[in-house]
Amino acid sequence: MASRLQKFQHQEKLRSQIHDDLQVELERQKELRKNEIVAEWHLKSKDAAIGKREKAARTLAKKTAASIHNDKVLQRRSRLREFLAQEAQAIDAELARLGLVAISIND
């Protein structure tokens, strides 16, 4: 009888140790999973921040390209205005010359 009691107590002690070990392992697994979740969240946050920076860089590049294009358009317009002004002066000079010729022919 005493042997059975000792065997039962020993089995209960082993069960208790196993239960305690399982509880410790479960807590360890929970902590590891929590750390994984936090790490994933940090990575997602960093990815989002990188995405925002990339989007800002693309937007800046587009704005810069548009600004460069606008500058080129303005330069072309300025050169065209200068050319047209020169042509107008040449036409005015030619008209004046023709006017003088016409006046001198009529005289």
C-alpha atoms as a PDB file:
ATOM      1  CA  MET A   1       0.000   0.000   0.000  1.00  0.00           C
ATOM      2  CA  ALA A   2       2.769   2.410   0.934  1.00  0.00           C
ATOM      3  CA  SER A   3       4.489   1.527  -2.321  1.00  0.00           C
ATOM      4  CA  ARG A   4       1.352   2.408  -4.292  1.00  0.00           C
ATOM      5  CA  LEU A   5       1.025   5.673  -2.414  1.00  0.00           C
ATOM      6  CA  GLN A   6       4.651   6.536  -3.109  1.00  0.00           C
ATOM      7  CA  LYS A   7       4.215   5.620  -6.775  1.00  0.00           C
ATOM      8  CA  PHE A   8       1.057   7.785  -6.986  1.00  0.00           C
ATOM      9  CA  GLN A   9       2.782  10.710  -5.241  1.00  0.00           C
ATOM     10  CA  HIS A  10       5.769  10.340  -7.575  1.00  0.00           C
ATOM     11  CA  GLN A  11       3.429  10.354 -10.624  1.00  0.00           C
ATOM     12  CA  GLU A  12       1.625  13.431  -9.297  1.00  0.00           C
ATOM     13  CA  LYS A  13       4.945  15.141  -8.726  1.00  0.00           C
ATOM     14  CA  LEU A  14       5.979  14.336 -12.326  1.00  0.00           C
ATOM     15  CA  ARG A  15       2.613  15.579 -13.646  1.00  0.00           C
ATOM     16  CA  SER A  16       3.012  18.774 -11.673  1.00  0.00           C
ATOM     17  CA  GLN A  17       6.550  19.285 -13.022  1.00  0.00           C
ATOM     18  CA  ILE A  18       5.379  18.586 -16.561  1.00  0.00           C
ATOM     19  CA  HIS A  19       2.463  20.982 -16.094  1.00  0.00           C
ATOM     20  CA  ASP A  20       4.809  23.663 -14.732  1.00  0.00           C
ATOM     21  CA  ASP A  21       7.253  23.094 -17.598  1.00  0.00           C
ATOM     22  CA  LEU A  22       4.409  23.361 -20.109  1.00  0.00           C
ATOM     23  CA  GLN A  23       3.195  26.586 -18.493  1.00  0.00           C
ATOM     24  CA  VAL A  24       6.707  28.044 -18.679  1.00  0.00           C
ATOM     25  CA  GLU A  25       7.010  26.970 -22.322  1.00  0.00           C
ATOM     26  CA  LEU A  26       3.578  28.403 -23.131  1.00  0.00           C
ATOM     27  CA  GLU A  27       4.542  31.754 -21.581  1.00  0.00           C
ATOM     28  CA  ARG A  28       7.817  31.697 -23.484  1.00  0.00           C
ATOM     29  CA  GLN A  29       5.971  30.994 -26.747  1.00  0.00           C
ATOM     30  CA  LYS A  30       3.505  33.817 -26.013  1.00  0.00           C
ATOM     31  CA  GLU A  31       6.394  36.220 -25.398  1.00  0.00           C
ATOM     32  CA  LEU A  32       8.144  35.131 -28.596  1.00  0.00           C
ATOM     33  CA  ARG A  33       4.937  35.599 -30.611  1.00  0.00           C
ATOM     34  CA  LYS A  34       4.401  39.020 -29.055  1.00  0.00           C
ATOM     35  CA  ASN A  35       7.966  39.971 -30.001  1.00  0.00           C
ATOM     36  CA  GLU A  36       7.378  38.702 -33.554  1.00  0.00           C
ATOM     37  CA  ILE A  37       4.206  40.779 -33.826  1.00  0.00           C
ATOM     38  CA  VAL A  38       6.014  43.876 -32.562  1.00  0.00           C
ATOM     39  CA  ALA A  39       8.885  43.251 -35.000  1.00  0.00           C
ATOM     40  CA  GLU A  40       6.426  42.822 -37.898  1.00  0.00           C
ATOM     41  CA  TRP A  41       4.670  46.040 -36.898  1.00  0.00           C
ATOM     42  CA  HIS A  42       7.991  47.905 -36.831  1.00  0.00           C
ATOM     43  CA  LEU A  43       8.873  46.538 -40.264  1.00  0.00           C
ATOM     44  CA  LYS A  44       5.486  47.571 -41.643  1.00  0.00           C
ATOM     45  CA  SER A  45       5.926  51.023 -40.119  1.00  0.00           C
ATOM     46  CA  LYS A  46       9.374  51.344 -41.657  1.00  0.00           C
ATOM     47  CA  ASP A  47       8.043  50.100 -45.004  1.00  0.00           C
ATOM     48  CA  ALA A  48       5.255  52.669 -44.826  1.00  0.00           C
ATOM     49  CA  ALA A  49       7.738  55.417 -43.992  1.00  0.00           C
ATOM     50  CA  ILE A  50       9.986  54.329 -46.852  1.00  0.00           C
ATOM     51  CA  GLY A  51       6.952  54.265 -49.134  1.00  0.00           C
ATOM     52  CA  LYS A  52       6.037  57.792 -48.088  1.00  0.00           C
ATOM     53  CA  ARG A  53       9.599  58.995 -48.699  1.00  0.00           C
ATOM     54  CA  GLU A  54       9.651  57.298 -52.105  1.00  0.00           C
ATOM     55  CA  LYS A  55       6.316  58.884 -53.002  1.00  0.00           C
ATOM     56  CA  ALA A  56       7.592  62.288 -51.883  1.00  0.00           C
ATOM     57  CA  ALA A  57      10.749  61.784 -53.964  1.00  0.00           C
ATOM     58  CA  ARG A  58       8.666  60.831 -57.022  1.00  0.00           C
ATOM     59  CA  THR A  59       6.445  63.866 -56.496  1.00  0.00           C
ATOM     60  CA  LEU A  60       9.489  66.115 -56.167  1.00  0.00           C
ATOM     61  CA  ALA A  61      10.993  64.591 -59.306  1.00  0.00           C
ATOM     62  CA  LYS A  62       7.747  65.227 -61.200  1.00  0.00           C
ATOM     63  CA  LYS A  63       7.589  68.806 -59.942  1.00  0.00           C
ATOM     64  CA  THR A  64      11.233  69.354 -60.838  1.00  0.00           C
ATOM     65  CA  ALA A  65      10.690  67.913 -64.312  1.00  0.00           C
ATOM     66  CA  ALA A  66       7.619  70.119 -64.757  1.00  0.00           C
ATOM     67  CA  SER A  67       9.589  73.141 -63.562  1.00  0.00           C
ATOM     68  CA  ILE A  68      12.416  72.371 -65.993  1.00  0.00           C
ATOM     69  CA  HIS A  69       9.883  71.908 -68.788  1.00  0.00           C
ATOM     70  CA  ASN A  70       8.208  75.209 -67.882  1.00  0.00           C
ATOM     71  CA  ASP A  71      11.587  76.962 -67.866  1.00  0.00           C
ATOM     72  CA  LYS A  72      12.329  75.573 -71.325  1.00  0.00           C
ATOM     73  CA  VAL A  73       8.914  76.688 -72.577  1.00  0.00           C
ATOM     74  CA  LEU A  74       9.481  80.165 -71.148  1.00  0.00           C
ATOM     75  CA  GLN A  75      12.921  80.324 -72.775  1.00  0.00           C
ATOM     76  CA  ARG A  76      11.437  79.272 -76.119  1.00  0.00           C
ATOM     77  CA  ARG A  77       8.698  81.888 -75.786  1.00  0.00           C
ATOM     78  CA  SER A  78      11.264  84.541 -74.909  1.00  0.00           C
ATOM     79  CA  ARG A  79      13.407  83.628 -77.922  1.00  0.00           C
ATOM     80  CA  LEU A  80      10.280  83.642 -80.124  1.00  0.00           C
ATOM     81  CA  ARG A  81       9.303  87.100 -78.817  1.00  0.00           C
ATOM     82  CA  GLU A  82      12.821  88.377 -79.561  1.00  0.00           C
ATOM     83  CA  PHE A  83      12.692  86.883 -83.052  1.00  0.00           C
ATOM     84  CA  LEU A  84       9.254  88.378 -83.699  1.00  0.00           C
ATOM     85  CA  ALA A  85      10.411  91.772 -82.413  1.00  0.00           C
ATOM     86  CA  GLN A  86      13.410  91.631 -84.761  1.00  0.00           C
ATOM     87  CA  GLU A  87      11.165  90.600 -87.646  1.00  0.00           C
ATOM     88  CA  ALA A  88       8.750  93.430 -86.819  1.00  0.00           C
ATOM     89  CA  GLN A  89      11.656  95.891 -86.815  1.00  0.00           C
ATOM     90  CA  ALA A  90      12.855  94.531 -90.146  1.00  0.00           C
ATOM     91  CA  ILE A  91       9.348  94.812 -91.594  1.00  0.00           C
ATOM     92  CA  ASP A  92       9.016  98.352 -90.213  1.00  0.00           C
ATOM     93  CA  ALA A  93      12.380  99.251 -91.734  1.00  0.00           C
ATOM     94  CA  GLU A  94      11.370  97.709 -95.059  1.00  0.00           C
ATOM     95  CA  LEU A  95       8.027  99.546 -94.987  1.00  0.00           C
ATOM     96  CA  ALA A  96       9.797 102.783 -94.159  1.00  0.00           C
ATOM     97  CA  ARG A  97      12.245 102.189 -96.977  1.00  0.00           C
ATOM     98  CA  LEU A  98       9.403 101.396 -99.342  1.00  0.00           C
ATOM     99  CA  GLY A  99       7.549 104.441 -98.112  1.00  0.00           C
ATOM    100  CA  LEU A 100      10.556 106.599 -98.813  1.00  0.00           C
ATOM    101  CA  VAL A 101      10.956 104.999-102.187  1.00  0.00           C
ATOM    102  CA  ALA A 102       7.283 105.519-102.910  1.00  0.00           C
ATOM    103  CA  ILE A 103       7.555 109.124-101.822  1.00  0.00           C
ATOM    104  CA  SER A 104      10.639 109.634-103.908  1.00  0.00           C
ATOM    105  CA  ILE A 105       9.001 107.983-106.924  1.00  0.00           C
ATOM    106  CA  ASN A 106       5.973 110.259-106.590  1.00  0.00           C
ATOM    107  CA  ASP A 107       8.132 113.347-106.390  1.00  0.00           C
END
